[in-house]
């Protein structure tokens, strides 16, 4: 991202960028991404992302608890519906299904 974060009414915190947050426990498993101004201000540019999904995918890809992914809105959650049909060469391919968050996925 270039320049200062701008305000966007679609974001929880109003900023259009996302940063990783490690709660007071400083635990990777409890980490998540936020666009709250208090977390964004002062964050190094290398840790600023354009979307919550990009932030989770980059910073918490091996998070066993699934805390970050489970915080994503429904429209950003990974789905069982592939975007391409089998006719395009994807037979036998599978995607993760997160029914009620990461822990209940299959």
Protein backbone atom coordinates (compact mmCIF):
# COMPACT_ATOMS: atom_id res chain seq x y z
CA UNK A 1 0.00 0.00 0.00
CA UNK A 2 1.15 3.48 -0.67
CA UNK A 3 0.36 6.62 1.25
CA UNK A 4 -1.52 6.97 4.51
CA UNK A 5 -4.50 4.74 5.29
CA UNK A 6 -7.81 6.27 4.27
CA UNK A 7 -11.21 5.99 5.92
CA UNK A 8 -13.70 3.47 4.57
CA UNK A 9 -17.15 2.92 6.06
CA UNK A 10 -17.05 -0.77 5.12
CA UNK A 11 -14.31 -1.60 7.63
CA UNK A 12 -14.89 -2.49 11.24
CA UNK A 13 -12.43 0.15 12.34
CA UNK A 14 -12.97 2.50 9.43
CA UNK A 15 -9.53 2.08 7.84
CA UNK A 16 -9.07 0.39 4.48
CA UNK A 17 -5.94 -1.53 5.51
CA UNK A 18 -5.43 -4.53 7.81
CA UNK A 19 -2.63 -5.39 10.22
CA UNK A 20 -1.81 -8.45 12.38
CA UNK A 21 -2.60 -8.23 16.09
CA UNK A 22 -1.22 -10.41 18.84
CA UNK A 23 -3.37 -10.03 21.98
CA UNK A 24 -1.94 -9.50 25.46
CA UNK A 25 -1.12 -13.22 25.54
CA UNK A 26 1.33 -12.52 22.68
CA UNK A 27 0.27 -15.87 21.29
CA UNK A 28 0.40 -16.77 17.60
CA UNK A 29 -2.67 -18.96 18.11
CA UNK A 30 -4.71 -16.00 19.44
CA UNK A 31 -3.56 -13.62 16.70
CA UNK A 32 -5.95 -12.01 14.23
CA UNK A 33 -6.06 -9.11 11.77
CA UNK A 34 -7.65 -5.75 12.45
CA UNK A 35 -8.29 -2.43 10.74
CA UNK A 36 -8.75 -0.49 13.97
CA UNK A 37 -6.82 2.77 13.89
CA UNK A 38 -5.13 2.02 17.23
CA UNK A 39 -3.43 -1.04 15.68
CA UNK A 40 -2.73 0.37 12.21
CA UNK A 41 -0.94 3.54 13.30
CA UNK A 42 2.76 2.81 13.76
CA UNK A 43 2.68 -0.61 12.05
CA UNK A 44 5.65 -1.20 9.71
CA UNK A 45 4.62 -1.03 6.05
CA UNK A 46 5.65 -4.67 5.48
CA UNK A 47 2.87 -5.71 7.91
CA UNK A 48 0.09 -3.65 6.29
CA UNK A 49 -2.32 -5.51 3.98
CA UNK A 50 -5.13 -4.49 1.63
CA UNK A 51 -7.57 -7.10 2.98
CA UNK A 52 -8.23 -9.08 6.14
CA UNK A 53 -7.94 -12.31 4.15
CA UNK A 54 -4.52 -11.32 2.75
CA UNK A 55 -3.34 -10.48 6.27
CA UNK A 56 -4.52 -13.81 7.72
CA UNK A 57 -3.15 -15.81 4.80
CA UNK A 58 0.27 -14.14 5.00
CA UNK A 59 0.82 -13.82 8.76
CA UNK A 60 -1.16 -16.75 10.21
CA UNK A 61 -1.13 -19.50 7.51
CA UNK A 62 -0.26 -22.31 9.95
CA UNK A 63 -2.43 -21.14 12.84
CA UNK A 64 -3.88 -24.36 14.32
CA UNK A 65 -6.57 -22.49 16.27
CA UNK A 66 -7.94 -20.83 13.12
CA UNK A 67 -8.64 -17.65 15.08
CA UNK A 68 -7.73 -15.30 12.23
CA UNK A 69 -9.62 -17.17 9.48
CA UNK A 70 -12.70 -17.62 11.69
CA UNK A 71 -12.90 -13.82 12.15
CA UNK A 72 -13.34 -13.28 8.39
CA UNK A 73 -16.78 -12.18 7.23
CA UNK A 74 -18.89 -14.84 5.50
CA UNK A 75 -18.16 -13.45 2.04
CA UNK A 76 -14.41 -13.93 2.64
CA UNK A 77 -14.60 -17.40 4.21
CA UNK A 78 -13.21 -20.22 2.08
CA UNK A 79 -16.11 -22.17 0.59
CA UNK A 80 -16.81 -25.63 -0.76
CA UNK A 81 -17.94 -24.15 -4.07
CA UNK A 82 -15.05 -24.18 -6.56
CA UNK A 83 -15.01 -21.21 -8.87
CA UNK A 84 -14.07 -23.42 -11.82
CA UNK A 85 -15.95 -26.46 -13.12
CA UNK A 86 -14.52 -29.92 -13.72
CA UNK A 87 -14.66 -29.15 -17.43
CA UNK A 88 -11.74 -26.81 -16.90
CA UNK A 89 -9.41 -29.50 -15.63
CA UNK A 90 -9.93 -29.66 -11.88
CA UNK A 91 -11.30 -33.16 -11.24
CA UNK A 92 -10.37 -34.56 -7.85
CA UNK A 93 -9.51 -31.16 -6.38
CA UNK A 94 -10.90 -30.24 -2.96
CA UNK A 95 -11.24 -27.08 -0.89
CA UNK A 96 -11.56 -26.57 2.86
CA UNK A 97 -15.04 -26.05 4.29
CA UNK A 98 -15.32 -23.89 7.40
CA UNK A 99 -18.89 -24.50 8.56
CA UNK A 100 -18.78 -22.70 11.92
CA UNK A 101 -15.27 -21.36 11.95
CA UNK A 102 -11.95 -23.07 11.51
CA UNK A 103 -12.31 -25.61 14.33
CA UNK A 104 -15.53 -27.08 12.85
CA UNK A 105 -14.21 -27.22 9.29
CA UNK A 106 -13.80 -30.37 7.25
